[in-house]
Amino acid sequence: MKVVVDLSRCEGYAQRAFLAPEAFRMHGEKALMYDPNPDDARRDQVLRAAAACPVQAIPVDQLDARHAPTEASP
């Protein structure tokens, strides 16, 4: 799993850090630190944390697209 946070949108509300502390943590009051490659076992936690972000700084559709099944070509 690959995680990318749009740090230009992130406002440091810390919701992600509470919901997925192994993947996201706050450094001080405003700086977000995150694991760009969290374990796939934490996928549900990471998706919930991304959905809880008030400014939607983690593009969830890109996280889902990487794990979506691909269709076979005719």
C-alpha atoms as a PDB file:
ATOM      1  CA  MET A   1       0.000   0.000   0.000  1.00  0.00           C
ATOM      2  CA  LYS A   2       1.292   3.458  -0.906  1.00  0.00           C
ATOM      3  CA  VAL A   3       0.145   6.602   0.899  1.00  0.00           C
ATOM      4  CA  VAL A   4       0.629  10.155  -0.287  1.00  0.00           C
ATOM      5  CA  VAL A   5      -0.580  13.111   1.758  1.00  0.00           C
ATOM      6  CA  ASP A   6      -1.154  16.468   0.078  1.00  0.00           C
ATOM      7  CA  LEU A   7       0.749  18.500   2.658  1.00  0.00           C
ATOM      8  CA  SER A   8      -0.330  21.747   0.989  1.00  0.00           C
ATOM      9  CA  ARG A   9      -3.930  20.859   1.948  1.00  0.00           C
ATOM     10  CA  CYS A  10      -3.215  19.285   5.339  1.00  0.00           C
ATOM     11  CA  GLU A  11      -4.108  21.628   8.187  1.00  0.00           C
ATOM     12  CA  GLY A  12      -2.917  19.424  11.057  1.00  0.00           C
ATOM     13  CA  TYR A  13      -6.281  18.418  12.527  1.00  0.00           C
ATOM     14  CA  ALA A  14      -4.666  15.121  13.634  1.00  0.00           C
ATOM     15  CA  GLN A  15      -7.709  12.941  12.870  1.00  0.00           C
ATOM     16  CA  ARG A  16      -5.524  10.506  10.927  1.00  0.00           C
ATOM     17  CA  ALA A  17      -3.101  10.157  13.823  1.00  0.00           C
ATOM     18  CA  PHE A  18      -5.906   9.029  16.139  1.00  0.00           C
ATOM     19  CA  LEU A  19      -7.390   6.533  13.688  1.00  0.00           C
ATOM     20  CA  ALA A  20      -4.190   5.016  12.298  1.00  0.00           C
ATOM     21  CA  PRO A  21      -1.349   5.839  14.707  1.00  0.00           C
ATOM     22  CA  GLU A  22       1.020   3.318  13.121  1.00  0.00           C
ATOM     23  CA  ALA A  23       0.778   5.123   9.782  1.00  0.00           C
ATOM     24  CA  PHE A  24       0.255   8.771  10.810  1.00  0.00           C
ATOM     25  CA  ARG A  25       1.604  10.801  13.719  1.00  0.00           C
ATOM     26  CA  MET A  26       1.804  14.436  14.608  1.00  0.00           C
ATOM     27  CA  HIS A  27       5.170  16.055  15.239  1.00  0.00           C
ATOM     28  CA  GLY A  28       4.338  19.072  17.338  1.00  0.00           C
ATOM     29  CA  GLU A  29       0.983  20.736  16.794  1.00  0.00           C
ATOM     30  CA  LYS A  30       1.022  21.214  13.027  1.00  0.00           C
ATOM     31  CA  ALA A  31       3.535  18.879  11.363  1.00  0.00           C
ATOM     32  CA  LEU A  32       2.231  15.546  10.098  1.00  0.00           C
ATOM     33  CA  MET A  33       4.634  12.645   9.734  1.00  0.00           C
ATOM     34  CA  TYR A  34       3.468   9.517   7.925  1.00  0.00           C
ATOM     35  CA  ASP A  35       4.606   6.161   6.676  1.00  0.00           C
ATOM     36  CA  PRO A  36       4.381   6.263   2.864  1.00  0.00           C
ATOM     37  CA  ASN A  37       4.288   2.443   2.721  1.00  0.00           C
ATOM     38  CA  PRO A  38       2.206   1.138   5.618  1.00  0.00           C
ATOM     39  CA  ASP A  39       1.628  -2.576   5.931  1.00  0.00           C
ATOM     40  CA  ASP A  40      -1.336  -3.833   3.881  1.00  0.00           C
ATOM     41  CA  ALA A  41      -2.800  -5.248   7.104  1.00  0.00           C
ATOM     42  CA  ARG A  42      -3.460  -1.614   8.117  1.00  0.00           C
ATOM     43  CA  ARG A  43      -5.350  -0.815   4.914  1.00  0.00           C
ATOM     44  CA  ASP A  44      -8.761  -0.457   6.574  1.00  0.00           C
ATOM     45  CA  GLN A  45      -7.308   1.796   9.282  1.00  0.00           C
ATOM     46  CA  VAL A  46      -5.579   3.987   6.704  1.00  0.00           C
ATOM     47  CA  LEU A  47      -8.730   4.274   4.573  1.00  0.00           C
ATOM     48  CA  ARG A  48     -10.820   5.238   7.622  1.00  0.00           C
ATOM     49  CA  ALA A  49      -8.215   7.783   8.637  1.00  0.00           C
ATOM     50  CA  ALA A  50      -8.139   9.249   5.128  1.00  0.00           C
ATOM     51  CA  ALA A  51     -11.927   9.507   5.062  1.00  0.00           C
ATOM     52  CA  ALA A  52     -11.901  11.318   8.420  1.00  0.00           C
ATOM     53  CA  CYS A  53      -9.610  14.088   7.162  1.00  0.00           C
ATOM     54  CA  PRO A  54     -11.715  17.282   7.122  1.00  0.00           C
ATOM     55  CA  VAL A  55      -9.800  18.697   4.120  1.00  0.00           C
ATOM     56  CA  GLN A  56      -9.428  15.372   2.260  1.00  0.00           C
ATOM     57  CA  ALA A  57      -5.633  15.648   2.053  1.00  0.00           C
ATOM     58  CA  ILE A  58      -5.235  11.929   1.197  1.00  0.00           C
ATOM     59  CA  PRO A  59      -6.648  11.015  -2.231  1.00  0.00           C
ATOM     60  CA  VAL A  60      -8.571   7.868  -1.248  1.00  0.00           C
ATOM     61  CA  ASP A  61      -9.550   7.083  -4.826  1.00  0.00           C
ATOM     62  CA  GLN A  62      -5.860   6.619  -5.633  1.00  0.00           C
ATOM     63  CA  LEU A  63      -5.420   4.285  -2.655  1.00  0.00           C
ATOM     64  CA  ASP A  64      -8.403   2.216  -3.802  1.00  0.00           C
ATOM     65  CA  ALA A  65      -7.335   2.202  -7.461  1.00  0.00           C
ATOM     66  CA  ARG A  66      -4.034   0.521  -6.655  1.00  0.00           C
ATOM     67  CA  HIS A  67      -5.864  -2.472  -5.219  1.00  0.00           C
ATOM     68  CA  ALA A  68      -8.847  -2.619  -7.568  1.00  0.00           C
ATOM     69  CA  PRO A  69      -9.129  -5.734  -9.701  1.00  0.00           C
ATOM     70  CA  THR A  70      -8.223  -5.202 -13.325  1.00  0.00           C
ATOM     71  CA  GLU A  71     -10.444  -6.342 -16.153  1.00  0.00           C
ATOM     72  CA  ALA A  72      -9.118  -8.763 -18.723  1.00  0.00           C
ATOM     73  CA  SER A  73      -8.690  -7.368 -22.205  1.00  0.00           C
ATOM     74  CA  PRO A  74     -10.859  -8.992 -24.903  1.00  0.00           C
END
